[in-house]
Amino acid sequence: MAAAETSPDETSKKWSKKPMLIGLVLALLLGGGGFYATWSGMILGSSEAEGHGEVAPASIAGIAFVPLETMIVSLGPDAGSKHLRFTAQVEVVDTAAADVALLAPRILDVLNSYLRAIDTASIEDPQAMARLRAQMLRRIQIVTGEGRVRDLLITEFVLN
């Protein structure tokens, strides 16, 4: 019967919280050290401009903007609007600015043809602007040649 009886000291014995506390402190220290090492660039490595969120002045050098003439495109009879007024600028590599300016009439022709050919519902949908912009940029890059045009900046897109 001695085996069936247990002393009150054995049943009320509690686990020590010391190992859990040590583990928590070590986890916080290691987590904080890892965060600091990544943030300061010690682990992944970064330049001074990237580490502090600053833009280096040299990163915007080498670009130029070529303005395009304003286009007014007639929309179809099923459209809610009658005309589209479109103005844009083309971001180019600065060494290609003169070449792209020379090709501006061809760029306007491509954009005019594209804007007349697409469905009027696509033009009127405000969420389709990114897709339209990407399609127009790709057509401009084909006309001007690879490596010259970096981006298309739409400055006016008005339906009336």
Protein backbone atom coordinates (compact mmCIF):
# COMPACT_ATOMS: atom_id res chain seq x y z
CA MET A 1 0.00 0.00 0.00
CA ALA A 2 2.96 2.23 0.30
CA ALA A 3 3.17 2.39 -3.47
CA ALA A 4 -0.40 3.70 -3.80
CA GLU A 5 0.17 6.50 -1.35
CA THR A 6 1.97 9.60 -2.56
CA SER A 7 3.28 12.30 -0.41
CA PRO A 8 1.71 15.74 -0.65
CA ASP A 9 5.08 17.23 -1.59
CA GLU A 10 5.25 15.25 -4.87
CA THR A 11 1.75 16.20 -6.11
CA SER A 12 2.01 19.90 -5.37
CA LYS A 13 5.51 20.22 -6.87
CA LYS A 14 5.53 23.08 -9.47
CA TRP A 15 7.74 23.48 -12.47
CA SER A 16 10.42 26.13 -12.26
CA LYS A 17 9.89 29.22 -14.44
CA LYS A 18 13.59 29.97 -14.63
CA PRO A 19 14.29 28.02 -17.90
CA MET A 20 11.27 29.62 -19.59
CA LEU A 21 12.40 33.11 -18.54
CA ILE A 22 15.93 32.48 -19.80
CA GLY A 23 14.57 31.21 -23.12
CA LEU A 24 12.34 34.26 -23.54
CA VAL A 25 15.20 36.68 -22.82
CA LEU A 26 17.49 34.86 -25.27
CA ALA A 27 14.79 34.88 -27.98
CA LEU A 28 14.28 38.63 -27.57
CA LEU A 29 18.02 39.31 -27.67
CA LEU A 30 18.57 37.17 -30.76
CA GLY A 31 15.52 38.63 -32.51
CA GLY A 32 16.61 42.19 -31.77
CA GLY A 33 20.17 41.46 -32.87
CA GLY A 34 18.96 39.92 -36.12
CA PHE A 35 16.71 42.88 -36.81
CA TYR A 36 19.53 45.35 -36.20
CA ALA A 37 21.97 43.39 -38.36
CA THR A 38 19.51 43.31 -41.25
CA TRP A 39 18.42 46.93 -40.85
CA SER A 40 21.97 48.27 -40.70
CA GLY A 41 23.02 46.27 -43.76
CA MET A 42 25.44 43.93 -42.00
CA ILE A 43 23.68 40.78 -43.27
CA LEU A 44 22.17 41.61 -46.65
CA GLY A 45 24.48 44.49 -47.43
CA SER A 46 23.16 47.76 -48.77
CA SER A 47 24.45 51.11 -49.84
CA GLU A 48 23.99 54.18 -47.67
CA ALA A 49 21.17 55.44 -49.87
CA GLU A 50 19.18 52.23 -49.57
CA GLY A 51 19.73 51.87 -45.83
CA HIS A 52 18.13 55.21 -44.98
CA GLY A 53 15.50 55.42 -47.73
CA GLU A 54 17.26 58.29 -49.52
CA VAL A 55 17.48 58.46 -53.28
CA ALA A 56 20.95 59.02 -54.59
CA PRO A 57 21.19 62.02 -56.94
CA ALA A 58 23.03 59.92 -59.52
CA SER A 59 20.00 57.63 -59.93
CA ILE A 60 17.99 60.27 -61.83
CA ALA A 61 20.86 61.37 -64.03
CA GLY A 62 20.71 60.10 -67.55
CA ILE A 63 17.00 60.58 -68.22
CA ALA A 64 15.11 63.12 -70.28
CA PHE A 65 11.45 63.76 -71.07
CA VAL A 66 10.07 64.19 -74.55
CA PRO A 67 6.60 65.79 -74.56
CA LEU A 68 4.04 64.52 -77.04
CA GLU A 69 1.41 66.71 -78.65
CA THR A 70 -2.11 66.60 -77.25
CA MET A 71 -4.35 64.17 -79.11
CA ILE A 72 -8.12 64.31 -79.33
CA VAL A 73 -9.61 60.94 -80.25
CA SER A 74 -13.22 60.51 -81.33
CA LEU A 75 -14.97 57.68 -79.54
CA GLY A 76 -17.63 55.44 -81.03
CA PRO A 77 -21.38 56.05 -80.90
CA ASP A 78 -21.88 53.47 -78.13
CA ALA A 79 -19.51 55.31 -75.77
CA GLY A 80 -20.77 57.46 -72.93
CA SER A 81 -18.34 60.20 -73.98
CA LYS A 82 -17.70 61.65 -77.42
CA HIS A 83 -13.99 62.48 -77.22
CA LEU A 84 -10.82 61.52 -75.40
CA ARG A 85 -8.21 64.21 -74.76
CA PHE A 86 -4.81 62.58 -74.29
CA THR A 87 -1.46 64.18 -73.44
CA ALA A 88 1.70 62.36 -72.42
CA GLN A 89 5.44 62.58 -72.05
CA VAL A 90 7.93 59.87 -72.86
CA GLU A 91 10.76 59.19 -70.39
CA VAL A 92 13.87 58.36 -72.40
CA VAL A 93 17.56 57.77 -71.94
CA ASP A 94 19.14 61.22 -72.30
CA THR A 95 21.35 60.13 -75.19
CA ALA A 96 18.26 59.05 -77.16
CA ALA A 97 16.14 62.16 -76.55
CA ALA A 98 16.84 63.66 -79.98
CA ASP A 99 16.07 60.36 -81.74
CA VAL A 100 12.78 59.93 -79.90
CA ALA A 101 11.78 63.56 -80.57
CA LEU A 102 12.46 62.92 -84.26
CA LEU A 103 10.14 59.88 -84.13
CA ALA A 104 7.34 61.78 -82.32
CA PRO A 105 4.98 61.82 -85.37
CA ARG A 106 5.31 58.04 -85.68
CA ILE A 107 4.67 57.64 -81.93
CA LEU A 108 1.53 59.79 -82.20
CA ASP A 109 0.36 57.69 -85.14
CA VAL A 110 0.78 54.46 -83.18
CA LEU A 111 -1.00 55.86 -80.11
CA ASN A 112 -3.82 57.32 -82.19
CA SER A 113 -4.33 54.01 -84.00
CA TYR A 114 -4.31 52.06 -80.72
CA LEU A 115 -6.72 54.39 -78.90
CA ARG A 116 -9.17 54.30 -81.83
CA ALA A 117 -9.00 50.50 -82.10
CA ILE A 118 -9.67 49.54 -78.48
CA ASP A 119 -13.14 49.03 -77.05
CA THR A 120 -14.67 52.19 -75.61
CA ALA A 121 -15.60 50.33 -72.43
CA SER A 122 -11.86 49.84 -71.80
CA ILE A 123 -11.24 53.55 -72.07
CA GLU A 124 -14.09 54.44 -69.73
CA ASP A 125 -13.08 51.91 -67.06
CA PRO A 126 -10.91 53.75 -64.48
CA GLN A 127 -9.20 50.52 -63.42
CA ALA A 128 -7.97 49.81 -66.95
CA MET A 129 -5.55 52.75 -67.01
CA ALA A 130 -2.53 50.63 -66.02
CA ARG A 131 -3.24 48.11 -68.77
CA LEU A 132 -3.75 50.85 -71.37
CA ARG A 133 -0.53 52.55 -70.30
CA ALA A 134 1.45 49.32 -70.53
CA GLN A 135 0.07 48.58 -74.01
CA MET A 136 0.89 52.08 -75.25
CA LEU A 137 4.39 51.94 -73.74
CA ARG A 138 5.10 48.64 -75.47
CA ARG A 139 3.99 50.07 -78.84
CA ILE A 140 6.20 53.14 -78.34
CA GLN A 141 9.18 50.93 -77.50
CA ILE A 142 8.64 48.95 -80.70
CA VAL A 143 8.56 52.15 -82.77
CA THR A 144 11.61 53.76 -81.15
CA GLY A 145 13.72 50.64 -80.70
CA GLU A 146 14.81 48.78 -77.60
CA GLY A 147 16.67 50.61 -74.84
CA ARG A 148 15.58 54.15 -75.67
CA VAL A 149 12.20 54.64 -73.99
CA ARG A 150 11.96 53.87 -70.28
CA ASP A 151 8.40 54.91 -69.43
CA LEU A 152 5.24 56.63 -70.59
CA LEU A 153 3.88 59.36 -68.33
CA ILE A 154 0.23 60.19 -68.99
CA THR A 155 -0.34 63.81 -68.04
CA GLU A 156 -3.90 64.18 -69.33
CA PHE A 157 -6.60 61.57 -69.96
CA VAL A 158 -9.95 63.32 -70.12
CA LEU A 159 -13.20 61.91 -71.45
CA ASN A 160 -15.83 64.48 -72.49
